[in-house]
C-alpha atoms as a PDB file:
ATOM      1  CA  MET A   1     132.746 137.239  89.979  1.00  0.00           C
ATOM      2  CA  SER A   2     134.367 133.726  89.358  1.00  0.00           C
ATOM      3  CA  SER A   3     132.286 133.446  85.689  1.00  0.00           C
ATOM      4  CA  VAL A   4     134.016 136.508  84.599  1.00  0.00           C
ATOM      5  CA  LYS A   5     137.461 134.771  85.316  1.00  0.00           C
ATOM      6  CA  SER A   6     136.400 130.935  83.565  1.00  0.00           C
ATOM      7  CA  GLY A   7     135.302 132.213  80.330  1.00  0.00           C
ATOM      8  CA  LEU A   8     138.331 133.501  79.520  1.00  0.00           C
ATOM      9  CA  THR A   9     139.516 129.938  78.159  1.00  0.00           C
ATOM     10  CA  GLN A  10     136.593 129.377  76.195  1.00  0.00           C
ATOM     11  CA  ASN A  11     136.525 129.201  72.335  1.00  0.00           C
ATOM     12  CA  HIS A  12     133.872 131.517  71.003  1.00  0.00           C
ATOM     13  CA  PHE A  13     131.489 129.021  70.410  1.00  0.00           C
ATOM     14  CA  GLU A  14     131.492 127.804  73.815  1.00  0.00           C
ATOM     15  CA  LEU A  15     131.353 131.283  75.385  1.00  0.00           C
ATOM     16  CA  PHE A  16     128.260 132.141  73.283  1.00  0.00           C
ATOM     17  CA  SER A  17     126.556 128.397  73.829  1.00  0.00           C
ATOM     18  CA  LEU A  18     126.664 127.386  69.954  1.00  0.00           C
ATOM     19  CA  ASN A  19     127.725 124.123  68.762  1.00  0.00           C
ATOM     20  CA  VAL A  20     131.501 124.136  66.278  1.00  0.00           C
ATOM     21  CA  SER A  21     129.348 125.002  63.082  1.00  0.00           C
ATOM     22  CA  PHE A  22     129.630 127.226  60.034  1.00  0.00           C
ATOM     23  CA  ASP A  23     125.771 127.355  60.166  1.00  0.00           C
ATOM     24  CA  ILE A  24     124.727 129.330  63.150  1.00  0.00           C
ATOM     25  CA  ASP A  25     121.768 130.979  64.312  1.00  0.00           C
ATOM     26  CA  SER A  26     122.374 134.542  64.091  1.00  0.00           C
ATOM     27  CA  LYS A  27     119.303 135.388  65.997  1.00  0.00           C
ATOM     28  CA  GLN A  28     120.799 133.811  68.721  1.00  0.00           C
ATOM     29  CA  LEU A  29     124.206 134.775  68.264  1.00  0.00           C
ATOM     30  CA  SER A  30     122.864 138.412  68.756  1.00  0.00           C
ATOM     31  CA  GLU A  31     121.022 137.706  71.868  1.00  0.00           C
ATOM     32  CA  ASN A  32     123.800 135.614  73.462  1.00  0.00           C
ATOM     33  CA  PHE A  33     125.673 138.250  72.588  1.00  0.00           C
ATOM     34  CA  ARG A  34     123.385 140.904  74.276  1.00  0.00           C
ATOM     35  CA  ALA A  35     123.453 138.887  77.639  1.00  0.00           C
ATOM     36  CA  LEU A  36     127.030 138.326  77.688  1.00  0.00           C
ATOM     37  CA  GLN A  37     127.554 141.936  77.278  1.00  0.00           C
ATOM     38  CA  GLN A  38     125.241 142.811  80.178  1.00  0.00           C
ATOM     39  CA  ALA A  39     126.867 140.101  82.336  1.00  0.00           C
ATOM     40  CA  VAL A  40     130.133 142.169  82.362  1.00  0.00           C
ATOM     41  CA  HIS A  41     129.103 145.606  81.682  1.00  0.00           C
ATOM     42  CA  PRO A  42     131.547 148.000  83.329  1.00  0.00           C
ATOM     43  CA  ASP A  43     128.442 149.394  85.819  1.00  0.00           C
ATOM     44  CA  ARG A  44     127.994 145.936  87.277  1.00  0.00           C
ATOM     45  CA  PHE A  45     131.498 145.969  88.863  1.00  0.00           C
ATOM     46  CA  ALA A  46     131.533 149.654  89.610  1.00  0.00           C
ATOM     47  CA  ASN A  47     132.239 148.472  93.138  1.00  0.00           C
ATOM     48  CA  ALA A  48     134.057 145.589  92.584  1.00  0.00           C
ATOM     49  CA  SER A  49     138.074 144.866  93.392  1.00  0.00           C
ATOM     50  CA  ASP A  50     140.383 146.322  90.775  1.00  0.00           C
ATOM     51  CA  GLN A  51     141.396 142.694  89.532  1.00  0.00           C
ATOM     52  CA  GLU A  52     137.232 141.751  89.274  1.00  0.00           C
ATOM     53  CA  ARG A  53     136.912 145.634  87.150  1.00  0.00           C
ATOM     54  CA  ARG A  54     139.923 144.264  84.947  1.00  0.00           C
ATOM     55  CA  MET A  55     138.438 140.808  84.362  1.00  0.00           C
ATOM     56  CA  SER A  56     135.402 142.393  83.500  1.00  0.00           C
ATOM     57  CA  VAL A  57     137.262 144.436  80.436  1.00  0.00           C
ATOM     58  CA  GLN A  58     139.129 141.834  79.253  1.00  0.00           C
ATOM     59  CA  ARG A  59     136.375 139.614  79.470  1.00  0.00           C
ATOM     60  CA  ALA A  60     134.266 142.695  77.472  1.00  0.00           C
ATOM     61  CA  ALA A  61     136.714 142.531  74.897  1.00  0.00           C
ATOM     62  CA  GLN A  62     136.688 138.430  74.180  1.00  0.00           C
ATOM     63  CA  ILE A  63     133.086 138.905  73.856  1.00  0.00           C
ATOM     64  CA  ASN A  64     133.078 141.551  71.750  1.00  0.00           C
ATOM     65  CA  GLU A  65     136.469 139.881  69.070  1.00  0.00           C
ATOM     66  CA  ALA A  66     134.285 136.603  69.352  1.00  0.00           C
ATOM     67  CA  HIS A  67     131.408 138.328  67.968  1.00  0.00           C
ATOM     68  CA  GLN A  68     132.826 139.878  65.273  1.00  0.00           C
ATOM     69  CA  VAL A  69     134.427 136.399  64.486  1.00  0.00           C
ATOM     70  CA  LEU A  70     131.212 134.590  64.652  1.00  0.00           C
ATOM     71  CA  LYS A  71     129.255 137.101  62.596  1.00  0.00           C
ATOM     72  CA  SER A  72     131.250 137.052  59.758  1.00  0.00           C
ATOM     73  CA  PRO A  73     131.358 133.947  57.586  1.00  0.00           C
ATOM     74  CA  GLN A  74     134.986 134.441  56.699  1.00  0.00           C
ATOM     75  CA  ARG A  75     136.120 134.993  59.956  1.00  0.00           C
ATOM     76  CA  ARG A  76     134.003 131.999  61.043  1.00  0.00           C
ATOM     77  CA  ALA A  77     135.329 129.470  58.779  1.00  0.00           C
ATOM     78  CA  ARG A  78     138.822 130.257  59.635  1.00  0.00           C
ATOM     79  CA  TYR A  79     138.418 130.372  63.023  1.00  0.00           C
ATOM     80  CA  ILE A  80     136.799 126.713  62.870  1.00  0.00           C
ATOM     81  CA  ILE A  81     139.422 125.800  60.489  1.00  0.00           C
ATOM     82  CA  GLU A  82     141.974 127.139  63.061  1.00  0.00           C
ATOM     83  CA  LEU A  83     139.733 125.093  66.008  1.00  0.00           C
ATOM     84  CA  GLN A  84     140.730 121.828  63.859  1.00  0.00           C
ATOM     85  CA  GLY A  85     144.569 122.437  63.979  1.00  0.00           C
ATOM     86  CA  VAL A  86     145.358 124.285  60.801  1.00  0.00           C
ATOM     87  CA  VAL A  87     147.610 127.045  61.139  1.00  0.00           C
ATOM     88  CA  PHE A  88     147.716 129.713  58.286  1.00  0.00           C
ATOM     89  CA  ASP A  89     150.528 131.661  57.337  1.00  0.00           C
ATOM     90  CA  ASP A  90     149.186 135.274  56.634  1.00  0.00           C
ATOM     91  CA  GLN A  91     152.175 136.711  54.719  1.00  0.00           C
ATOM     92  CA  ALA A  92     152.592 133.340  52.530  1.00  0.00           C
ATOM     93  CA  ASN A  93     149.919 133.518  49.471  1.00  0.00           C
ATOM     94  CA  PRO A  94     147.507 130.882  49.082  1.00  0.00           C
ATOM     95  CA  VAL A  95     147.485 128.939  46.298  1.00  0.00           C
ATOM     96  CA  MET A  96     143.727 129.535  44.383  1.00  0.00           C
ATOM     97  CA  ALA A  97     142.652 127.068  41.774  1.00  0.00           C
ATOM     98  CA  PRO A  98     143.076 129.074  37.844  1.00  0.00           C
ATOM     99  CA  MET A  99     139.074 129.312  37.523  1.00  0.00           C
ATOM    100  CA  PHE A 100     138.667 131.478  40.814  1.00  0.00           C
ATOM    101  CA  LEU A 101     141.624 133.593  39.918  1.00  0.00           C
ATOM    102  CA  MET A 102     140.501 134.636  36.238  1.00  0.00           C
ATOM    103  CA  GLN A 103     137.107 135.246  37.712  1.00  0.00           C
ATOM    104  CA  GLN A 104     138.632 137.736  40.247  1.00  0.00           C
ATOM    105  CA  MET A 105     141.019 139.606  37.633  1.00  0.00           C
ATOM    106  CA  GLU A 106     137.754 139.817  35.469  1.00  0.00           C
ATOM    107  CA  LEU A 107     136.211 141.612  38.423  1.00  0.00           C
ATOM    108  CA  ARG A 108     139.062 143.617  39.086  1.00  0.00           C
ATOM    109  CA  GLU A 109     139.168 145.023  35.453  1.00  0.00           C
ATOM    110  CA  GLY A 110     135.644 145.990  35.661  1.00  0.00           C
ATOM    111  CA  LEU A 111     135.880 147.228  39.017  1.00  0.00           C
ATOM    112  CA  SER A 112     139.106 149.279  37.783  1.00  0.00           C
ATOM    113  CA  ASP A 113     136.939 150.557  34.401  1.00  0.00           C
ATOM    114  CA  VAL A 114     133.661 150.934  35.985  1.00  0.00           C
ATOM    115  CA  LYS A 115     134.094 154.753  36.466  1.00  0.00           C
ATOM    116  CA  SER A 116     134.363 155.224  32.490  1.00  0.00           C
ATOM    117  CA  LYS A 117     131.258 153.313  31.463  1.00  0.00           C
ATOM    118  CA  PRO A 118     128.798 155.508  30.165  1.00  0.00           C
ATOM    119  CA  ASP A 119     126.370 154.195  33.133  1.00  0.00           C
ATOM    120  CA  PRO A 120     128.501 153.920  35.753  1.00  0.00           C
ATOM    121  CA  GLU A 121     125.997 152.975  38.221  1.00  0.00           C
ATOM    122  CA  ALA A 122     124.626 149.803  35.864  1.00  0.00           C
ATOM    123  CA  ALA A 123     128.321 148.770  35.666  1.00  0.00           C
ATOM    124  CA  LEU A 124     128.887 148.194  39.296  1.00  0.00           C
ATOM    125  CA  ASP A 125     125.520 146.937  39.735  1.00  0.00           C
ATOM    126  CA  LYS A 126     126.466 144.121  37.578  1.00  0.00           C
ATOM    127  CA  ILE A 127     129.709 143.971  39.325  1.00  0.00           C
ATOM    128  CA  LEU A 128     127.942 143.754  42.698  1.00  0.00           C
ATOM    129  CA  SER A 129     125.262 141.240  41.861  1.00  0.00           C
ATOM    130  CA  ASP A 130     128.132 139.235  40.262  1.00  0.00           C
ATOM    131  CA  LEU A 131     129.960 139.112  43.502  1.00  0.00           C
ATOM    132  CA  LYS A 132     126.712 137.930  45.321  1.00  0.00           C
ATOM    133  CA  VAL A 133     126.350 135.196  43.486  1.00  0.00           C
ATOM    134  CA  SER A 134     129.586 134.221  43.897  1.00  0.00           C
ATOM    135  CA  ARG A 135     129.779 134.830  47.725  1.00  0.00           C
ATOM    136  CA  SER A 136     126.819 132.653  48.192  1.00  0.00           C
ATOM    137  CA  GLU A 137     128.456 130.061  46.002  1.00  0.00           C
ATOM    138  CA  VAL A 138     131.625 129.894  48.460  1.00  0.00           C
ATOM    139  CA  ILE A 139     129.264 130.310  51.768  1.00  0.00           C
ATOM    140  CA  SER A 140     126.769 127.361  50.283  1.00  0.00           C
ATOM    141  CA  LYS A 141     130.586 125.240  49.956  1.00  0.00           C
ATOM    142  CA  LEU A 142     131.715 126.148  53.675  1.00  0.00           C
ATOM    143  CA  SER A 143     128.338 125.165  54.899  1.00  0.00           C
ATOM    144  CA  ALA A 144     128.801 121.780  53.687  1.00  0.00           C
ATOM    145  CA  GLN A 145     132.136 121.474  54.317  1.00  0.00           C
ATOM    146  CA  LEU A 146     132.014 122.877  57.728  1.00  0.00           C
ATOM    147  CA  GLY A 147     128.877 121.146  59.160  1.00  0.00           C
ATOM    148  CA  GLU A 148     130.882 118.906  60.808  1.00  0.00           C
ATOM    149  CA  PRO A 149     134.387 120.306  61.110  1.00  0.00           C
ATOM    150  CA  GLU A 150     135.655 117.098  62.668  1.00  0.00           C
ATOM    151  CA  ASN A 151     134.484 115.463  58.896  1.00  0.00           C
ATOM    152  CA  ALA A 152     135.728 118.349  56.770  1.00  0.00           C
ATOM    153  CA  ASP A 153     138.179 118.160  54.103  1.00  0.00           C
ATOM    154  CA  LEU A 154     140.532 120.989  55.872  1.00  0.00           C
ATOM    155  CA  ASP A 155     142.343 121.921  52.808  1.00  0.00           C
ATOM    156  CA  GLN A 156     139.088 122.400  50.657  1.00  0.00           C
ATOM    157  CA  ALA A 157     137.822 124.841  53.500  1.00  0.00           C
ATOM    158  CA  SER A 158     140.725 126.463  53.602  1.00  0.00           C
ATOM    159  CA  GLN A 159     140.601 127.343  49.883  1.00  0.00           C
ATOM    160  CA  LEU A 160     136.984 128.393  50.116  1.00  0.00           C
ATOM    161  CA  MET A 161     137.974 130.597  53.376  1.00  0.00           C
ATOM    162  CA  HIS A 162     140.590 131.901  51.233  1.00  0.00           C
ATOM    163  CA  GLU A 163     138.107 132.529  47.813  1.00  0.00           C
ATOM    164  CA  LEU A 164     135.568 134.001  50.521  1.00  0.00           C
ATOM    165  CA  GLN A 165     138.501 136.687  51.875  1.00  0.00           C
ATOM    166  CA  PHE A 166     139.128 137.830  47.975  1.00  0.00           C
ATOM    167  CA  LEU A 167     135.254 138.133  47.364  1.00  0.00           C
ATOM    168  CA  ASP A 168     135.037 140.181  50.701  1.00  0.00           C
ATOM    169  CA  LYS A 169     137.797 142.243  49.855  1.00  0.00           C
ATOM    170  CA  LEU A 170     136.564 143.047  46.512  1.00  0.00           C
ATOM    171  CA  GLN A 171     133.053 143.282  48.080  1.00  0.00           C
ATOM    172  CA  SER A 172     134.666 146.525  50.052  1.00  0.00           C
ATOM    173  CA  GLU A 173     137.041 147.949  47.241  1.00  0.00           C
ATOM    174  CA  SER A 174     133.160 147.865  45.077  1.00  0.00           C
ATOM    175  CA  GLU A 175     131.093 149.679  48.118  1.00  0.00           C
ATOM    176  CA  ILE A 176     134.030 152.087  48.283  1.00  0.00           C
ATOM    177  CA  ILE A 177     133.653 152.923  44.653  1.00  0.00           C
ATOM    178  CA  GLU A 178     129.730 153.051  44.555  1.00  0.00           C
ATOM    179  CA  GLU A 179     130.534 155.234  47.663  1.00  0.00           C
ATOM    180  CA  GLU A 180     132.627 157.720  45.117  1.00  0.00           C
ATOM    181  CA  LEU A 181     130.020 157.521  42.793  1.00  0.00           C
ATOM    182  CA  MET A 182     127.278 158.450  45.043  1.00  0.00           C
ATOM    183  CA  ASP A 183     129.345 161.313  46.314  1.00  0.00           C
ATOM    184  CA  ASN A 184     129.454 162.422  42.368  1.00  0.00           C
ATOM    185  CA  LEU A 185     125.941 162.856  41.796  1.00  0.00           C
END
């Protein structure tokens, strides 16, 4: 069972046999995830020692966490930047570009007013559309920055990662409002 033990020190990309890059093959990620899950499934270790069963559980947890990180563009970007030695202070507010902050304020205001609009669904659809465009733009920029992480402008990549984090949060808030509007139909 040494294969279960040895993988605990691998980074997420190594674990999934992927190159460290923002652009990953999501199909390959899913296939490798399923294969890794099968390899450490508790049923395979039913007759193993307590230590081997514990290692299997730890490995399964590592595989699940790595998969969650790699399938999320924002979390994947952060992870790549951290692999390059950047340490994030989650308690500090990141310095954001004024244009981006203005856009976020406008979107947030629009989101807070959506329920009072004559056609709230149309207003929300417009916000969701704007978010999709903004997200795509930021993801494209992250792809350009982190395609070869060792050559990346890590300050710029970190800025973009924070922008994507803001957009993802706004997306989640929009989806909650969308559910509320659907419940009220």
